[in-house]
Protein backbone atom coordinates (compact mmCIF):
# COMPACT_ATOMS: atom_id res chain seq x y z
CA ARG A 1 -24.82 6.39 20.24
CA SER A 2 -24.44 9.89 18.83
CA GLY A 3 -28.06 10.33 17.90
CA ASN A 4 -31.25 8.63 16.87
CA ALA A 5 -31.49 8.78 13.11
CA ILE A 6 -34.71 7.38 11.65
CA GLU A 7 -32.66 5.16 9.34
CA PRO A 8 -29.07 4.01 9.89
CA LEU A 9 -26.62 6.19 7.99
CA THR A 10 -25.09 4.88 4.79
CA ILE A 11 -21.33 4.47 4.49
CA THR A 12 -21.15 7.72 2.51
CA GLU A 13 -23.25 9.53 5.13
CA LEU A 14 -21.00 8.17 7.87
CA ALA A 15 -17.94 9.53 6.02
CA HIS A 16 -19.60 12.95 5.81
CA ALA A 17 -20.47 12.72 9.53
CA ALA A 18 -16.82 11.95 10.34
CA ALA A 19 -15.74 15.05 8.39
CA ALA A 20 -18.34 17.14 10.20
CA PHE A 21 -17.12 15.82 13.55
CA LEU A 22 -13.52 16.70 12.66
CA ASP A 23 -14.73 20.18 11.68
CA THR A 24 -16.34 20.67 15.10
CA GLN A 25 -13.03 19.68 16.71
CA GLY A 26 -10.98 22.01 14.47
CA ILE A 27 -9.07 19.09 12.95
CA GLU A 28 -8.12 19.63 9.32
CA LYS A 29 -6.25 16.35 8.66
CA ALA A 30 -6.24 13.09 10.60
CA THR A 31 -5.07 9.51 10.81
CA LEU A 32 -8.21 7.38 11.05
CA VAL A 33 -8.50 3.93 12.63
CA GLY A 34 -11.52 1.80 11.78
CA ASN A 35 -12.71 -1.68 12.62
CA SER A 36 -14.97 -3.76 10.38
CA MET A 37 -17.57 -1.39 8.90
CA GLY A 38 -15.40 1.53 10.00
CA CYS A 39 -12.91 0.54 7.28
CA PRO A 40 -15.22 1.25 4.32
CA VAL A 41 -16.16 4.49 6.08
CA ILE A 42 -12.46 5.47 6.18
CA CYS A 43 -12.01 4.48 2.53
CA GLU A 44 -15.05 6.58 1.58
CA PHE A 45 -13.73 9.45 3.71
CA GLY A 46 -10.46 9.22 1.76
CA TYR A 47 -12.40 9.22 -1.51
CA LEU A 48 -14.54 12.24 -0.58
CA TYR A 49 -11.91 14.16 1.41
CA PRO A 50 -8.49 13.02 0.15
CA HIS A 51 -6.77 16.15 1.47
CA ARG A 52 -8.03 15.41 5.01
CA LEU A 53 -6.77 11.84 5.41
CA GLU A 54 -3.17 11.53 6.60
CA ARG A 55 -3.05 7.74 7.13
CA ALA A 56 -5.55 4.89 7.21
CA ILE A 57 -5.53 2.02 9.66
CA LEU A 58 -8.00 -0.67 8.59
CA VAL A 59 -8.67 -3.37 11.19
CA SER A 60 -10.68 -6.37 9.92
CA PRO A 61 -11.96 -4.43 6.90
CA ALA A 62 -15.37 -5.92 6.11
CA GLY A 63 -17.45 -5.48 3.02
CA GLY A 64 -17.25 -5.95 -0.68
CA ILE A 65 -17.24 -9.03 -2.82
CA HIS A 66 -15.89 -11.44 -0.17
CA ASN A 67 -19.06 -10.89 1.87
CA GLN A 68 -21.53 -11.27 -1.04
CA PRO A 69 -24.28 -12.29 -1.28
CA LEU A 70 -25.97 -11.19 1.93
CA ARG A 71 -26.69 -14.74 3.15
CA ARG A 72 -22.96 -15.53 2.83
CA ALA A 73 -22.15 -12.52 5.01
CA VAL A 74 -24.69 -13.60 7.62
CA ARG A 75 -23.22 -17.13 7.60
CA GLN A 76 -19.71 -15.66 8.02
CA LEU A 77 -20.95 -13.56 10.92
CA SER A 78 -22.51 -16.58 12.62
CA HIS A 79 -19.23 -18.49 12.31
CA ASP A 80 -17.40 -15.52 13.78
CA GLY A 81 -19.69 -15.52 16.80
CA PHE A 82 -18.23 -18.86 17.91
CA ARG A 83 -14.67 -17.56 17.54
CA GLU A 84 -15.05 -14.39 19.59
CA PRO A 85 -14.81 -14.15 23.39
CA VAL A 86 -18.19 -14.78 25.04
CA ARG A 87 -18.01 -11.42 26.83
CA MET A 88 -18.28 -9.71 23.44
CA LEU A 89 -21.93 -10.76 23.17
CA ARG A 90 -22.98 -7.93 25.48
CA VAL A 91 -21.30 -5.47 23.10
CA ALA A 92 -22.28 -6.88 19.70
CA VAL A 93 -25.83 -8.12 20.28
CA PRO A 94 -27.29 -4.73 21.32
CA ASP A 95 -25.68 -3.08 18.28
CA TYR A 96 -27.05 -5.66 15.87
CA LEU A 97 -30.49 -5.43 17.47
CA ARG A 98 -30.39 -1.65 17.19
CA PHE A 99 -29.15 -1.40 13.60
CA GLY A 100 -30.12 -4.80 12.22
CA VAL A 101 -27.85 -7.41 10.70
CA PRO A 102 -29.50 -7.24 7.24
CA SER A 103 -29.28 -3.44 6.89
CA THR A 104 -25.68 -3.35 8.14
CA PHE A 105 -24.51 -6.17 5.91
CA ARG A 106 -26.52 -4.95 2.92
CA ALA A 107 -24.61 -1.65 3.14
CA LEU A 108 -21.30 -3.49 3.45
CA THR A 109 -21.86 -5.98 0.66
CA GLN A 110 -23.03 -3.32 -1.81
CA PHE A 111 -20.22 -0.86 -1.11
CA PRO A 112 -17.28 -0.81 -3.60
CA SER A 113 -14.74 -1.53 -0.84
CA LEU A 114 -11.94 -2.82 -3.05
CA ASP A 115 -12.21 0.09 -5.49
CA ARG A 116 -12.10 2.58 -2.63
CA LEU A 117 -9.13 0.81 -1.01
CA LEU A 118 -7.20 0.76 -4.27
CA GLY A 119 -7.98 4.46 -4.69
CA LEU A 120 -6.54 5.52 -1.33
CA ASP A 121 -3.42 7.61 -1.74
CA VAL A 122 -2.11 7.56 1.82
CA PRO A 123 0.05 5.19 3.86
CA THR A 124 -2.26 2.38 4.96
CA LEU A 125 -2.02 -0.35 7.58
CA ALA A 126 -4.35 -3.32 7.17
CA VAL A 127 -4.72 -5.70 10.13
CA ALA A 128 -6.64 -8.97 10.05
CA GLY A 129 -6.99 -11.98 12.30
CA THR A 130 -6.00 -15.41 11.02
CA ARG A 131 -9.36 -16.81 12.24
CA ASP A 132 -11.60 -14.09 10.77
CA PRO A 133 -14.32 -15.74 8.65
CA LEU A 134 -15.43 -12.37 7.26
CA MET A 135 -12.05 -11.77 5.60
CA PRO A 136 -10.20 -13.56 2.80
CA GLY A 137 -7.10 -15.43 3.91
CA PRO A 138 -3.86 -13.55 4.62
CA ALA A 139 -2.37 -14.57 1.24
CA ARG A 140 -5.26 -12.94 -0.65
CA ILE A 141 -5.06 -9.81 1.50
CA ARG A 142 -1.33 -9.50 0.77
CA GLU A 143 -2.07 -9.96 -2.94
CA VAL A 144 -4.60 -7.11 -2.87
CA ALA A 145 -2.26 -4.91 -0.80
CA GLU A 146 0.43 -5.33 -3.46
CA GLN A 147 -1.95 -3.88 -6.09
CA VAL A 148 -2.11 -0.53 -4.31
CA GLU A 149 0.22 2.10 -5.73
CA HIS A 150 1.06 3.60 -2.34
CA ARG A 151 2.49 1.53 0.45
CA VAL A 152 0.11 -0.79 2.29
CA VAL A 153 1.48 -2.70 5.24
CA PHE A 154 -0.45 -5.86 6.12
CA VAL A 155 -0.24 -7.57 9.51
CA ALA A 156 -2.01 -10.79 10.48
CA ILE A 157 -2.68 -11.35 14.19
CA ASP A 158 -2.47 -15.06 14.87
CA GLY A 159 -5.55 -16.57 16.45
CA ALA A 160 -7.67 -13.42 16.23
CA ALA A 161 -11.16 -13.49 14.74
CA HIS A 162 -13.01 -10.40 13.48
CA ALA A 163 -13.17 -8.20 16.59
CA ILE A 164 -9.42 -7.80 17.06
CA ASN A 165 -9.88 -4.55 18.96
CA PHE A 166 -11.92 -6.47 21.54
CA SER A 167 -10.13 -9.82 21.71
CA HIS A 168 -6.50 -8.74 21.10
CA PRO A 169 -6.28 -5.05 22.10
CA GLY A 170 -2.65 -5.24 23.25
CA GLU A 171 -1.42 -6.85 20.04
CA LEU A 172 -3.44 -4.42 17.93
CA SER A 173 -2.18 -1.33 19.74
CA ASN A 174 1.40 -2.64 19.44
CA VAL A 175 0.98 -3.14 15.67
CA ILE A 176 -0.48 0.36 15.25
């Protein structure tokens, strides 16, 4: 809700916008926490501004090959809707109506999420729910985390779906 762009910003444009925001606040280096699409934005931020990212906290990192093709991502999203608390509808539905499911998921599915994650050179925490249909299973996430040269800590929150920050805020804040 920070403005009314004609077109939704791309992941790269969102990373530049985050850097510009940090500039306006006088913050040279930061630990960034992102949920879902915020995770590729953090990874892109780390790619574009490696000297400005202190740590990355990736909560339910969406995007990449697991969500391809687009119809698979939409199907995953519809499954997730039944796993989230009903009260989340008043948060998610207006956002999807405003930005559009196809444009959001097209950006996510086409972004090189795994490459950017593997390229991060900062301590990283990845958090996923065990009931998140938009994410691979915890075993696959651990396998990917082990490929990263720097330390990646992975935590699975039992029973959580995709919107961990909404459904399990206490557990998430404790993990962070």
